[in-house]
N, C-alpha and C. Protein backbone atom coordinates (compact mmCIF):
# COMPACT_ATOMS: atom_id res chain seq x y z
N UNK A 1 16.24 -36.51 25.03
CA UNK A 1 16.99 -35.31 25.43
C UNK A 1 17.01 -34.85 27.08
N UNK A 2 18.31 -34.93 27.81
CA UNK A 2 18.32 -34.66 28.89
C UNK A 2 17.50 -32.89 29.15
N UNK A 3 17.18 -32.94 30.46
CA UNK A 3 16.86 -31.62 30.93
C UNK A 3 18.11 -31.09 31.47
N UNK A 4 17.82 -29.56 31.71
CA UNK A 4 18.96 -28.83 32.49
C UNK A 4 18.20 -27.76 33.27
N UNK A 5 18.72 -27.33 34.23
CA UNK A 5 18.41 -26.29 35.34
C UNK A 5 18.65 -24.81 35.03
N UNK A 6 17.74 -24.06 34.59
CA UNK A 6 18.11 -22.38 34.43
C UNK A 6 18.33 -21.84 35.42
N UNK A 7 19.08 -20.76 35.23
CA UNK A 7 19.47 -19.71 36.17
C UNK A 7 18.14 -18.86 37.06
N UNK A 8 17.02 -19.67 36.81
CA UNK A 8 15.61 -19.36 37.41
C UNK A 8 15.77 -20.28 38.86
N UNK A 9 16.72 -20.99 38.84
CA UNK A 9 16.62 -21.73 40.14
C UNK A 9 16.70 -21.01 41.11
N UNK A 10 15.85 -21.55 42.15
CA UNK A 10 15.96 -20.62 43.68
C UNK A 10 16.67 -21.76 44.73
N UNK A 11 17.56 -22.75 44.25
CA UNK A 11 17.93 -23.61 45.08
C UNK A 11 17.25 -24.05 46.05
N UNK A 12 16.13 -24.52 46.08
CA UNK A 12 15.31 -25.10 46.79
C UNK A 12 15.22 -26.60 47.29
N UNK A 13 16.05 -27.13 46.54
CA UNK A 13 16.29 -28.78 46.31
C UNK A 13 15.51 -29.62 46.38
N UNK A 14 14.00 -29.34 45.72
CA UNK A 14 12.72 -30.15 45.89
C UNK A 14 12.82 -31.11 44.71
N UNK A 15 13.80 -31.04 43.75
CA UNK A 15 13.98 -31.72 42.61
C UNK A 15 14.80 -32.94 42.77
N UNK A 16 15.89 -32.97 44.02
CA UNK A 16 16.84 -33.65 44.28
C UNK A 16 16.33 -35.17 44.90
N UNK A 17 15.43 -34.98 45.37
CA UNK A 17 14.95 -36.33 45.90
C UNK A 17 13.78 -37.00 45.15
N UNK A 18 13.40 -36.63 44.49
CA UNK A 18 12.33 -36.90 43.15
C UNK A 18 12.93 -37.37 41.93
N UNK A 19 14.55 -37.28 41.79
CA UNK A 19 14.93 -37.55 40.55
C UNK A 19 15.28 -38.83 40.74
N UNK A 20 14.70 -39.74 39.68
CA UNK A 20 14.97 -41.23 39.89
C UNK A 20 16.31 -41.46 39.37
N UNK A 21 17.02 -40.91 38.95
CA UNK A 21 18.48 -41.46 37.91
C UNK A 21 19.53 -40.67 39.11
N UNK A 22 19.09 -39.71 40.03
CA UNK A 22 19.92 -38.95 40.95
C UNK A 22 21.28 -38.25 40.17
N UNK A 23 20.32 -37.72 39.25
CA UNK A 23 20.98 -36.93 37.88
C UNK A 23 21.48 -35.29 38.61
N UNK A 24 20.79 -35.17 39.59
CA UNK A 24 20.52 -33.79 40.02
C UNK A 24 21.49 -33.59 41.32
N UNK A 25 22.12 -32.28 41.38
CA UNK A 25 23.14 -32.26 42.32
C UNK A 25 23.41 -30.56 42.63
N UNK A 26 23.90 -30.64 43.69
CA UNK A 26 24.19 -28.75 44.07
C UNK A 26 25.36 -28.41 43.12
N UNK A 27 25.11 -27.43 42.67
CA UNK A 27 26.18 -26.53 41.72
C UNK A 27 26.38 -25.18 42.28
N UNK A 28 27.41 -24.46 42.09
CA UNK A 28 27.31 -23.24 42.02
C UNK A 28 26.29 -22.20 42.25
N UNK A 29 25.73 -22.16 43.31
CA UNK A 29 24.34 -21.19 43.33
C UNK A 29 23.09 -21.88 43.15
N UNK A 30 23.35 -22.70 42.15
CA UNK A 30 21.76 -23.45 42.01
C UNK A 30 22.14 -24.74 41.50
N UNK A 31 21.15 -25.61 41.49
CA UNK A 31 21.32 -27.15 41.22
C UNK A 31 21.86 -27.32 39.78
N UNK A 32 22.39 -28.68 39.33
CA UNK A 32 22.32 -29.00 38.15
C UNK A 32 22.15 -30.35 37.62
N UNK A 33 21.92 -30.61 36.24
CA UNK A 33 21.53 -31.91 36.19
C UNK A 33 22.64 -32.29 35.25
N UNK A 34 23.14 -33.39 35.83
CA UNK A 34 24.11 -34.38 35.23
C UNK A 34 23.43 -34.86 33.48
N UNK A 35 23.66 -34.66 32.35
CA UNK A 35 23.22 -34.80 31.09
C UNK A 35 23.35 -36.55 30.80
N UNK A 36 24.37 -36.93 31.58
CA UNK A 36 24.87 -38.44 31.39
C UNK A 36 24.02 -39.46 32.17
N UNK A 37 23.08 -38.83 32.96
CA UNK A 37 22.21 -39.40 33.74
C UNK A 37 20.64 -39.25 33.84
N UNK A 38 20.48 -38.20 33.34
CA UNK A 38 19.42 -37.95 32.88
C UNK A 38 18.75 -38.58 31.98
N UNK A 39 17.10 -38.99 32.17
CA UNK A 39 16.52 -39.68 31.44
C UNK A 39 15.07 -39.34 31.03
N UNK A 40 15.04 -38.05 31.80
CA UNK A 40 13.81 -37.37 31.28
C UNK A 40 12.56 -38.25 32.17
N UNK A 41 13.31 -39.05 33.45
CA UNK A 41 11.96 -39.75 33.82
C UNK A 41 11.65 -40.93 33.14
N UNK A 42 12.12 -41.15 32.02
CA UNK A 42 11.42 -42.18 30.50
C UNK A 42 11.73 -43.58 31.54
N UNK A 43 10.50 -44.22 31.67
CA UNK A 43 10.98 -45.88 32.20
C UNK A 43 10.89 -45.77 33.49
N UNK A 44 10.47 -44.86 34.31
CA UNK A 44 10.27 -44.40 35.54
C UNK A 44 8.56 -43.57 35.76
N UNK A 45 8.44 -42.51 35.13
CA UNK A 45 7.62 -41.83 35.27
C UNK A 45 6.82 -41.81 33.75
N UNK A 46 5.56 -40.99 33.96
CA UNK A 46 4.88 -40.64 32.79
C UNK A 46 5.82 -39.12 32.46
N UNK A 47 6.00 -38.43 33.16
CA UNK A 47 6.54 -37.24 33.06
C UNK A 47 7.85 -37.02 33.94
N UNK A 48 8.92 -36.26 33.46
CA UNK A 48 9.74 -35.89 34.09
C UNK A 48 9.44 -35.14 35.68
N UNK A 49 10.07 -35.62 36.61
CA UNK A 49 9.63 -35.48 38.05
C UNK A 49 10.19 -33.85 38.44
N UNK A 50 11.59 -33.63 37.92
CA UNK A 50 11.70 -32.55 38.49
C UNK A 50 10.77 -31.15 37.37
N UNK A 51 10.46 -31.47 36.54
CA UNK A 51 9.85 -30.68 35.66
C UNK A 51 8.38 -30.41 36.50
N UNK A 52 7.99 -31.25 37.02
CA UNK A 52 6.79 -31.38 37.83
C UNK A 52 6.86 -30.95 39.36
N UNK A 53 7.99 -30.87 39.73
CA UNK A 53 8.12 -30.58 41.33
C UNK A 53 8.38 -28.91 41.30
N UNK A 54 9.06 -28.17 40.24
CA UNK A 54 10.00 -27.20 40.30
C UNK A 54 8.78 -25.90 40.49
N UNK A 55 9.06 -25.30 41.52
CA UNK A 55 8.41 -24.17 41.94
C UNK A 55 8.20 -23.10 41.14
N UNK A 56 9.47 -22.89 40.33
CA UNK A 56 9.89 -22.16 39.45
C UNK A 56 10.09 -22.23 37.83
N UNK A 57 9.71 -23.64 37.62
CA UNK A 57 9.69 -23.75 35.86
C UNK A 57 11.27 -23.87 35.53
N UNK A 58 12.06 -24.27 36.58
CA UNK A 58 13.55 -24.12 35.89
C UNK A 58 13.88 -25.06 35.35
N UNK A 59 13.45 -26.27 35.19
CA UNK A 59 13.87 -27.34 34.62
C UNK A 59 13.23 -27.58 33.24
N UNK A 60 14.13 -27.17 32.16
CA UNK A 60 13.80 -27.34 30.71
C UNK A 60 14.68 -28.43 29.92
N UNK A 61 14.11 -28.73 28.89
CA UNK A 61 14.86 -29.40 27.68
C UNK A 61 16.17 -28.87 27.59
N UNK A 62 17.16 -29.82 27.35
CA UNK A 62 18.24 -29.19 26.70
C UNK A 62 18.83 -29.57 25.64
N UNK A 63 18.71 -28.62 24.31
CA UNK A 63 19.04 -28.57 23.30
C UNK A 63 20.23 -29.40 22.91
N UNK A 64 21.09 -29.29 23.72
CA UNK A 64 22.80 -29.97 23.60
C UNK A 64 22.73 -31.35 23.81
N UNK A 65 21.22 -32.19 24.11
CA UNK A 65 21.62 -33.45 24.29
C UNK A 65 20.15 -33.82 24.07
N UNK A 66 20.28 -33.87 22.60
CA UNK A 66 19.04 -34.58 21.94
C UNK A 66 19.10 -36.18 21.72
N UNK A 67 18.08 -36.64 22.31
CA UNK A 67 17.97 -38.13 22.73
C UNK A 67 16.50 -38.77 22.10
N UNK A 68 16.54 -39.69 21.74
CA UNK A 68 15.31 -40.29 21.45
C UNK A 68 14.66 -41.19 22.53
N UNK A 69 13.56 -41.39 22.60
CA UNK A 69 12.82 -42.16 23.65
C UNK A 69 13.77 -43.53 23.93
N UNK A 70 13.84 -44.28 22.78
CA UNK A 70 14.79 -45.53 22.67
C UNK A 70 16.19 -45.26 23.48
N UNK A 71 16.66 -44.31 22.95
CA UNK A 71 18.07 -44.17 23.73
C UNK A 71 17.96 -43.79 25.12
N UNK A 72 16.93 -43.05 25.58
CA UNK A 72 16.64 -42.63 27.21
C UNK A 72 16.59 -44.04 27.64
N UNK A 73 16.12 -44.79 26.93
CA UNK A 73 15.58 -46.12 27.38
C UNK A 73 16.66 -47.17 27.96
N UNK A 74 17.41 -47.12 26.69
CA UNK A 74 19.05 -47.92 26.89
C UNK A 74 19.88 -47.03 28.07
N UNK A 75 19.66 -46.05 28.28
CA UNK A 75 20.71 -45.26 28.93
C UNK A 75 20.12 -45.51 30.33
N UNK A 76 18.33 -45.45 30.52
CA UNK A 76 18.18 -46.21 31.90
C UNK A 76 18.62 -47.79 32.14
N UNK A 77 18.31 -48.42 31.18
CA UNK A 77 18.54 -49.69 31.66
C UNK A 77 20.17 -49.83 31.94
N UNK A 78 21.10 -49.47 31.26
CA UNK A 78 22.44 -49.33 31.73
C UNK A 78 22.69 -49.08 33.18
N UNK A 79 21.90 -48.10 33.68
CA UNK A 79 21.88 -47.46 34.84
C UNK A 79 21.26 -48.58 36.29
N UNK A 80 20.42 -49.46 35.75
CA UNK A 80 19.57 -50.23 36.62
C UNK A 80 20.35 -51.46 36.97
N UNK A 81 20.53 -51.80 38.47
CA UNK A 81 21.15 -52.64 39.07
C UNK A 81 20.88 -54.30 38.15
N UNK A 82 21.85 -55.19 37.85
CA UNK A 82 21.60 -56.28 37.46
C UNK A 82 20.59 -57.11 38.58
N UNK A 83 19.31 -57.84 37.71
CA UNK A 83 18.24 -58.54 38.63
C UNK A 83 19.10 -59.78 38.70
N UNK A 84 18.81 -60.78 39.83
CA UNK A 84 19.42 -62.06 39.75
C UNK A 84 18.13 -62.99 39.72
């Protein structure tokens, strides 16, 4: 399941740098998470880094993007550069 940022966001940008998928960007007034890029940090960290760093708990699961752990890993692997 991708995450989303709620209107509780204070636009501090703390989450942007910690996003392993570069899925977070500045939106109109708050930051937004691209659900096509978000893997909830599966394959990178034990827990979503945006959730851990957000000072106001504005990063929450997005029920519109339900995905299994396997689907999140597949999405992550598609985004990784090819190893030679």
